[in-house]
Amino acid sequence: MKRIITKGISCLEPLDGSREWYWGMDYTSGDLYEAEELFSSKHPIRQNRLILVRYPEGAVYEPIHPEPGQYLGKPVYHDGRVVLLMVDFPKEEIRILTFHEAEKTTEPLAVLPLSIVADCYNLMLEASPLMLTRSAHDNQFQIIWPERRDFAIEDHEFFEFLDGKRLYTSVWYEDPDYREELLVRDYNTGEVLERIPGSLRSMPDGQNWLLV
């Protein structure tokens, strides 16, 4: 039996798009949005920890050690590297960093003002292609970086991937039976171009399977 020293992080998840990487995090102050709420209410927030574990050898990396007031989001895998999301609440910055495994270092890809978003609700990285996105409470899906796009979406609709100028989302219904559709939207206008019955599943090698 292989012992993996995680220092208290007991749950690992596969990193989407990679066959080799798993990731885990503690949630000392909840998720990014909950940490932001605590900070805005003048409550102290403890920085969280994120680890990366390489399969099959089980090597553990802690790519960044946040300072008080800094909080990490879910990482993604893009172009052969792990990309990290961190919000620095005292400095009011959103930082996107790439992890260099050989050097065990991180390099900033972008530093954005926190004011670019209304809040950190569902603020996350996506990697098809690499983007910073946000799904708001009011049926709005936003691409924040590298360019800004705002889309009005349906109830229970969520982003899947972007292919050129075609934005793919999934939506689920209970009418009364549960079912899912894959929606194809025009990236420039947000117009729905196609509705495809079925449930999308992303595979570890980057393939997308539609279950019909």
C-alpha atoms as a PDB file:
ATOM      1  CA  MET A   1       0.000   0.000   0.000  1.00  0.00           C
ATOM      2  CA  LYS A   2       1.379   3.389  -0.977  1.00  0.00           C
ATOM      3  CA  ARG A   3       1.272   6.126   1.666  1.00  0.00           C
ATOM      4  CA  ILE A   4       0.528   9.599   0.294  1.00  0.00           C
ATOM      5  CA  ILE A   5       1.362  12.385   2.737  1.00  0.00           C
ATOM      6  CA  THR A   6      -1.312  15.058   2.246  1.00  0.00           C
ATOM      7  CA  LYS A   7      -1.166  16.677   5.713  1.00  0.00           C
ATOM      8  CA  GLY A   8      -4.878  16.486   6.356  1.00  0.00           C
ATOM      9  CA  ILE A   9      -6.370  16.734   2.866  1.00  0.00           C
ATOM     10  CA  SER A  10      -8.429  13.554   2.596  1.00  0.00           C
ATOM     11  CA  CYS A  11     -10.167  13.915  -0.773  1.00  0.00           C
ATOM     12  CA  LEU A  12      -8.464  13.874  -4.187  1.00  0.00           C
ATOM     13  CA  GLU A  13     -10.164  14.471  -7.528  1.00  0.00           C
ATOM     14  CA  PRO A  14      -8.881  13.863 -11.060  1.00  0.00           C
ATOM     15  CA  LEU A  15      -7.773  17.062 -12.763  1.00  0.00           C
ATOM     16  CA  ASP A  16      -9.960  17.362 -15.856  1.00  0.00           C
ATOM     17  CA  GLY A  17      -8.045  16.894 -19.098  1.00  0.00           C
ATOM     18  CA  SER A  18      -5.109  15.086 -17.468  1.00  0.00           C
ATOM     19  CA  ARG A  19      -4.412  11.395 -16.931  1.00  0.00           C
ATOM     20  CA  GLU A  20      -1.579  12.057 -14.468  1.00  0.00           C
ATOM     21  CA  TRP A  21      -2.752  14.735 -12.057  1.00  0.00           C
ATOM     22  CA  TYR A  22      -5.068  14.669  -9.070  1.00  0.00           C
ATOM     23  CA  TRP A  23      -5.808  17.632  -6.840  1.00  0.00           C
ATOM     24  CA  GLY A  24      -7.132  18.228  -3.352  1.00  0.00           C
ATOM     25  CA  MET A  25      -7.930  21.237  -1.204  1.00  0.00           C
ATOM     26  CA  ASP A  26      -8.977  22.103   2.295  1.00  0.00           C
ATOM     27  CA  TYR A  27     -11.786  24.585   2.736  1.00  0.00           C
ATOM     28  CA  THR A  28     -10.851  26.459   5.887  1.00  0.00           C
ATOM     29  CA  SER A  29     -13.195  29.349   5.040  1.00  0.00           C
ATOM     30  CA  GLY A  30     -15.515  27.612   2.577  1.00  0.00           C
ATOM     31  CA  ASP A  31     -15.278  28.233  -1.164  1.00  0.00           C
ATOM     32  CA  LEU A  32     -14.082  31.448  -2.830  1.00  0.00           C
ATOM     33  CA  TYR A  33     -17.469  33.136  -2.525  1.00  0.00           C
ATOM     34  CA  GLU A  34     -17.834  32.234   1.154  1.00  0.00           C
ATOM     35  CA  ALA A  35     -14.294  33.446   1.845  1.00  0.00           C
ATOM     36  CA  GLU A  36     -15.137  36.730   0.111  1.00  0.00           C
ATOM     37  CA  GLU A  37     -18.286  37.090   2.239  1.00  0.00           C
ATOM     38  CA  LEU A  38     -16.251  36.595   5.412  1.00  0.00           C
ATOM     39  CA  PHE A  39     -13.626  39.117   4.314  1.00  0.00           C
ATOM     40  CA  SER A  40     -16.274  41.685   3.333  1.00  0.00           C
ATOM     41  CA  SER A  41     -17.859  41.280   6.775  1.00  0.00           C
ATOM     42  CA  LYS A  42     -14.494  42.078   8.421  1.00  0.00           C
ATOM     43  CA  HIS A  43     -14.043  38.511   9.611  1.00  0.00           C
ATOM     44  CA  PRO A  44     -10.565  37.017   9.365  1.00  0.00           C
ATOM     45  CA  ILE A  45     -10.175  34.311   6.739  1.00  0.00           C
ATOM     46  CA  ARG A  46      -7.593  31.585   6.930  1.00  0.00           C
ATOM     47  CA  GLN A  47      -5.780  30.883   3.712  1.00  0.00           C
ATOM     48  CA  ASN A  48      -6.519  27.449   2.271  1.00  0.00           C
ATOM     49  CA  ARG A  49      -4.168  24.759   0.989  1.00  0.00           C
ATOM     50  CA  LEU A  50      -4.100  23.051  -2.392  1.00  0.00           C
ATOM     51  CA  ILE A  51      -2.074  19.977  -3.293  1.00  0.00           C
ATOM     52  CA  LEU A  52      -1.337  18.255  -6.588  1.00  0.00           C
ATOM     53  CA  VAL A  53      -0.589  14.532  -6.705  1.00  0.00           C
ATOM     54  CA  ARG A  54       1.000  12.934  -9.744  1.00  0.00           C
ATOM     55  CA  TYR A  55      -0.135   9.442 -10.716  1.00  0.00           C
ATOM     56  CA  PRO A  56       1.177   6.726 -10.611  1.00  0.00           C
ATOM     57  CA  GLU A  57       4.199   7.611  -8.500  1.00  0.00           C
ATOM     58  CA  GLY A  58       2.171   9.533  -5.903  1.00  0.00           C
ATOM     59  CA  ALA A  59       4.468  12.562  -5.754  1.00  0.00           C
ATOM     60  CA  VAL A  60       2.817  15.397  -3.812  1.00  0.00           C
ATOM     61  CA  TYR A  61       3.285  19.070  -4.682  1.00  0.00           C
ATOM     62  CA  GLU A  62       2.015  22.141  -2.880  1.00  0.00           C
ATOM     63  CA  PRO A  63       2.477  24.632  -5.714  1.00  0.00           C
ATOM     64  CA  ILE A  64       1.699  27.796  -3.782  1.00  0.00           C
ATOM     65  CA  HIS A  65       1.544  28.790  -0.127  1.00  0.00           C
ATOM     66  CA  PRO A  66      -1.070  31.544   0.190  1.00  0.00           C
ATOM     67  CA  GLU A  67      -0.708  34.321   2.733  1.00  0.00           C
ATOM     68  CA  PRO A  68      -3.509  35.433   5.072  1.00  0.00           C
ATOM     69  CA  GLY A  69      -6.314  36.955   3.017  1.00  0.00           C
ATOM     70  CA  GLN A  70      -5.419  34.947  -0.089  1.00  0.00           C
ATOM     71  CA  TYR A  71      -7.655  32.090  -1.195  1.00  0.00           C
ATOM     72  CA  LEU A  72      -7.373  29.433  -3.894  1.00  0.00           C
ATOM     73  CA  GLY A  73      -9.979  28.126  -6.322  1.00  0.00           C
ATOM     74  CA  LYS A  74     -10.190  24.953  -8.379  1.00  0.00           C
ATOM     75  CA  PRO A  75      -7.200  24.366 -10.719  1.00  0.00           C
ATOM     76  CA  VAL A  76      -7.369  23.310 -14.371  1.00  0.00           C
ATOM     77  CA  TYR A  77      -5.057  21.538 -16.794  1.00  0.00           C
ATOM     78  CA  HIS A  78      -4.159  23.428 -19.969  1.00  0.00           C
ATOM     79  CA  ASP A  79      -1.499  22.948 -22.639  1.00  0.00           C
ATOM     80  CA  GLY A  80       0.392  20.380 -20.560  1.00  0.00           C
ATOM     81  CA  ARG A  81       0.473  22.442 -17.361  1.00  0.00           C
ATOM     82  CA  VAL A  82      -1.576  22.943 -14.226  1.00  0.00           C
ATOM     83  CA  VAL A  83      -3.083  26.423 -13.971  1.00  0.00           C
ATOM     84  CA  LEU A  84      -4.105  27.896 -10.610  1.00  0.00           C
ATOM     85  CA  LEU A  85      -6.638  30.517  -9.531  1.00  0.00           C
ATOM     86  CA  MET A  86      -6.000  32.675  -6.471  1.00  0.00           C
ATOM     87  CA  VAL A  87      -7.845  35.721  -5.124  1.00  0.00           C
ATOM     88  CA  ASP A  88      -5.947  38.188  -2.947  1.00  0.00           C
ATOM     89  CA  PHE A  89      -8.700  39.949  -1.014  1.00  0.00           C
ATOM     90  CA  PRO A  90      -6.541  42.573   0.787  1.00  0.00           C
ATOM     91  CA  LYS A  91      -4.926  43.617  -2.518  1.00  0.00           C
ATOM     92  CA  GLU A  92      -8.220  43.210  -4.430  1.00  0.00           C
ATOM     93  CA  GLU A  93      -6.593  41.084  -7.123  1.00  0.00           C
ATOM     94  CA  ILE A  94      -7.435  37.933  -9.058  1.00  0.00           C
ATOM     95  CA  ARG A  95      -4.308  35.997 -10.014  1.00  0.00           C
ATOM     96  CA  ILE A  96      -4.011  33.263 -12.624  1.00  0.00           C
ATOM     97  CA  LEU A  97      -0.777  31.280 -12.342  1.00  0.00           C
ATOM     98  CA  THR A  98       0.835  28.375 -14.155  1.00  0.00           C
ATOM     99  CA  PHE A  99       2.707  25.667 -12.224  1.00  0.00           C
ATOM    100  CA  HIS A 100       6.123  24.498 -13.444  1.00  0.00           C
ATOM    101  CA  GLU A 101       6.586  20.980 -12.113  1.00  0.00           C
ATOM    102  CA  ALA A 102      10.333  20.634 -12.709  1.00  0.00           C
ATOM    103  CA  GLU A 103      11.180  23.860 -10.874  1.00  0.00           C
ATOM    104  CA  LYS A 104       8.299  23.541  -8.381  1.00  0.00           C
ATOM    105  CA  THR A 105       7.485  27.187  -9.027  1.00  0.00           C
ATOM    106  CA  THR A 106       4.531  29.216 -10.259  1.00  0.00           C
ATOM    107  CA  GLU A 107       4.485  31.974 -12.852  1.00  0.00           C
ATOM    108  CA  PRO A 108       1.750  34.618 -13.188  1.00  0.00           C
ATOM    109  CA  LEU A 109      -0.262  34.490 -16.402  1.00  0.00           C
ATOM    110  CA  ALA A 110      -2.602  37.350 -15.506  1.00  0.00           C
ATOM    111  CA  VAL A 111      -3.349  39.684 -12.615  1.00  0.00           C
ATOM    112  CA  LEU A 112      -6.828  41.212 -12.763  1.00  0.00           C
ATOM    113  CA  PRO A 113      -8.572  43.730 -10.501  1.00  0.00           C
ATOM    114  CA  LEU A 114     -11.134  42.064  -8.273  1.00  0.00           C
ATOM    115  CA  SER A 115     -13.537  44.860  -9.216  1.00  0.00           C
ATOM    116  CA  ILE A 116     -13.869  43.274 -12.669  1.00  0.00           C
ATOM    117  CA  VAL A 117     -16.463  40.904 -11.141  1.00  0.00           C
ATOM    118  CA  ALA A 118     -19.496  41.687  -8.996  1.00  0.00           C
ATOM    119  CA  ASP A 119     -18.466  38.927  -6.584  1.00  0.00           C
ATOM    120  CA  CYS A 120     -16.682  35.569  -6.557  1.00  0.00           C
ATOM    121  CA  TYR A 121     -19.836  33.478  -6.898  1.00  0.00           C
ATOM    122  CA  ASN A 122     -18.970  30.557  -9.221  1.00  0.00           C
ATOM    123  CA  LEU A 123     -15.730  32.265 -10.251  1.00  0.00           C
ATOM    124  CA  MET A 124     -13.614  29.556 -11.840  1.00  0.00           C
ATOM    125  CA  LEU A 125     -11.113  28.649 -14.509  1.00  0.00           C
ATOM    126  CA  GLU A 126     -12.088  26.652 -17.581  1.00  0.00           C
ATOM    127  CA  ALA A 127      -9.622  25.041 -19.938  1.00  0.00           C
ATOM    128  CA  SER A 128     -11.241  24.655 -23.306  1.00  0.00           C
ATOM    129  CA  PRO A 129      -9.613  27.083 -24.075  1.00  0.00           C
ATOM    130  CA  LEU A 130      -8.134  28.640 -20.914  1.00  0.00           C
ATOM    131  CA  MET A 131     -10.605  31.184 -19.556  1.00  0.00           C
ATOM    132  CA  LEU A 132     -11.720  32.765 -16.313  1.00  0.00           C
ATOM    133  CA  THR A 133     -15.499  32.488 -16.050  1.00  0.00           C
ATOM    134  CA  ARG A 134     -18.311  33.348 -13.690  1.00  0.00           C
ATOM    135  CA  SER A 135     -21.876  32.064 -13.471  1.00  0.00           C
ATOM    136  CA  ALA A 136     -24.003  34.682 -11.736  1.00  0.00           C
ATOM    137  CA  HIS A 137     -27.220  34.287  -9.727  1.00  0.00           C
ATOM    138  CA  ASP A 138     -29.338  35.952 -12.421  1.00  0.00           C
ATOM    139  CA  ASN A 139     -28.909  33.470 -15.294  1.00  0.00           C
ATOM    140  CA  GLN A 140     -25.840  35.231 -16.626  1.00  0.00           C
ATOM    141  CA  PHE A 141     -22.727  33.408 -17.771  1.00  0.00           C
ATOM    142  CA  GLN A 142     -19.640  35.600 -18.062  1.00  0.00           C
ATOM    143  CA  ILE A 143     -16.240  35.088 -19.613  1.00  0.00           C
ATOM    144  CA  ILE A 144     -13.979  37.461 -17.682  1.00  0.00           C
ATOM    145  CA  TRP A 145     -10.569  36.720 -19.220  1.00  0.00           C
ATOM    146  CA  PRO A 146      -8.838  36.720 -21.732  1.00  0.00           C
ATOM    147  CA  GLU A 147     -11.719  38.696 -23.274  1.00  0.00           C
ATOM    148  CA  ARG A 148     -15.041  39.762 -21.846  1.00  0.00           C
ATOM    149  CA  ARG A 149     -18.297  38.143 -22.950  1.00  0.00           C
ATOM    150  CA  ASP A 150     -21.697  38.114 -21.226  1.00  0.00           C
ATOM    151  CA  PHE A 151     -24.414  35.600 -22.075  1.00  0.00           C
ATOM    152  CA  ALA A 152     -28.018  35.358 -20.919  1.00  0.00           C
ATOM    153  CA  ILE A 153     -28.650  31.666 -20.251  1.00  0.00           C
ATOM    154  CA  GLU A 154     -31.567  29.479 -19.206  1.00  0.00           C
ATOM    155  CA  ASP A 155     -32.383  28.037 -15.809  1.00  0.00           C
ATOM    156  CA  HIS A 156     -30.132  25.053 -14.987  1.00  0.00           C
ATOM    157  CA  GLU A 157     -27.783  25.821 -17.895  1.00  0.00           C
ATOM    158  CA  PHE A 158     -24.025  25.609 -17.395  1.00  0.00           C
ATOM    159  CA  PHE A 159     -20.872  25.977 -19.477  1.00  0.00           C
ATOM    160  CA  GLU A 160     -19.180  22.942 -21.028  1.00  0.00           C
ATOM    161  CA  PHE A 161     -16.568  24.106 -23.570  1.00  0.00           C
ATOM    162  CA  LEU A 162     -15.782  26.574 -26.335  1.00  0.00           C
ATOM    163  CA  ASP A 163     -14.906  25.407 -29.853  1.00  0.00           C
ATOM    164  CA  GLY A 164     -14.011  28.329 -32.091  1.00  0.00           C
ATOM    165  CA  LYS A 165     -17.085  30.550 -32.216  1.00  0.00           C
ATOM    166  CA  ARG A 166     -19.413  27.852 -30.862  1.00  0.00           C
ATOM    167  CA  LEU A 167     -20.119  27.890 -27.134  1.00  0.00           C
ATOM    168  CA  TYR A 168     -21.365  24.557 -25.763  1.00  0.00           C
ATOM    169  CA  THR A 169     -23.502  24.422 -22.633  1.00  0.00           C
ATOM    170  CA  SER A 170     -25.618  21.776 -20.931  1.00  0.00           C
ATOM    171  CA  VAL A 171     -29.090  22.298 -19.538  1.00  0.00           C
ATOM    172  CA  TRP A 172     -31.272  19.947 -17.514  1.00  0.00           C
ATOM    173  CA  TYR A 173     -35.040  19.758 -17.163  1.00  0.00           C
ATOM    174  CA  GLU A 174     -37.592  17.986 -14.987  1.00  0.00           C
ATOM    175  CA  ASP A 175     -40.822  18.114 -17.016  1.00  0.00           C
ATOM    176  CA  PRO A 176     -41.647  15.859 -15.179  1.00  0.00           C
ATOM    177  CA  ASP A 177     -38.954  13.332 -16.151  1.00  0.00           C
ATOM    178  CA  TYR A 178     -35.307  14.304 -15.877  1.00  0.00           C
ATOM    179  CA  ARG A 179     -33.519  14.944 -19.178  1.00  0.00           C
ATOM    180  CA  GLU A 180     -30.540  16.896 -20.491  1.00  0.00           C
ATOM    181  CA  GLU A 181     -29.711  18.789 -23.667  1.00  0.00           C
ATOM    182  CA  LEU A 182     -26.472  20.073 -25.145  1.00  0.00           C
ATOM    183  CA  LEU A 183     -26.915  23.647 -26.389  1.00  0.00           C
ATOM    184  CA  VAL A 184     -24.705  25.238 -29.030  1.00  0.00           C
ATOM    185  CA  ARG A 185     -24.610  29.041 -28.837  1.00  0.00           C
ATOM    186  CA  ASP A 186     -23.038  31.615 -31.122  1.00  0.00           C
ATOM    187  CA  TYR A 187     -20.024  32.994 -29.238  1.00  0.00           C
ATOM    188  CA  ASN A 188     -20.570  36.545 -30.510  1.00  0.00           C
ATOM    189  CA  THR A 189     -24.337  36.877 -30.115  1.00  0.00           C
ATOM    190  CA  GLY A 190     -25.316  34.199 -27.584  1.00  0.00           C
ATOM    191  CA  GLU A 191     -28.007  32.923 -29.971  1.00  0.00           C
ATOM    192  CA  VAL A 192     -28.892  29.237 -29.596  1.00  0.00           C
ATOM    193  CA  LEU A 193     -27.856  27.508 -32.839  1.00  0.00           C
ATOM    194  CA  GLU A 194     -28.646  23.899 -31.904  1.00  0.00           C
ATOM    195  CA  ARG A 195     -30.313  21.840 -29.195  1.00  0.00           C
ATOM    196  CA  ILE A 196     -29.001  18.289 -29.025  1.00  0.00           C
ATOM    197  CA  PRO A 197     -30.694  15.758 -26.710  1.00  0.00           C
ATOM    198  CA  GLY A 198     -28.219  13.922 -24.505  1.00  0.00           C
ATOM    199  CA  SER A 199     -25.797  14.216 -21.619  1.00  0.00           C
ATOM    200  CA  LEU A 200     -22.202  15.364 -22.178  1.00  0.00           C
ATOM    201  CA  ARG A 201     -19.279  13.656 -20.450  1.00  0.00           C
ATOM    202  CA  SER A 202     -15.688  14.884 -20.700  1.00  0.00           C
ATOM    203  CA  MET A 203     -13.104  12.092 -20.704  1.00  0.00           C
ATOM    204  CA  PRO A 204      -9.598  12.195 -19.143  1.00  0.00           C
ATOM    205  CA  ASP A 205      -7.893  12.482 -22.545  1.00  0.00           C
ATOM    206  CA  GLY A 206      -9.964  15.515 -23.522  1.00  0.00           C
ATOM    207  CA  GLN A 207     -12.582  13.710 -25.610  1.00  0.00           C
ATOM    208  CA  ASN A 208     -16.220  14.731 -25.200  1.00  0.00           C
ATOM    209  CA  TRP A 209     -18.814  11.938 -25.243  1.00  0.00           C
ATOM    210  CA  LEU A 210     -22.512  12.606 -25.741  1.00  0.00           C
ATOM    211  CA  LEU A 211     -24.665  10.007 -24.004  1.00  0.00           C
ATOM    212  CA  VAL A 212     -27.958   9.605 -25.868  1.00  0.00           C
END
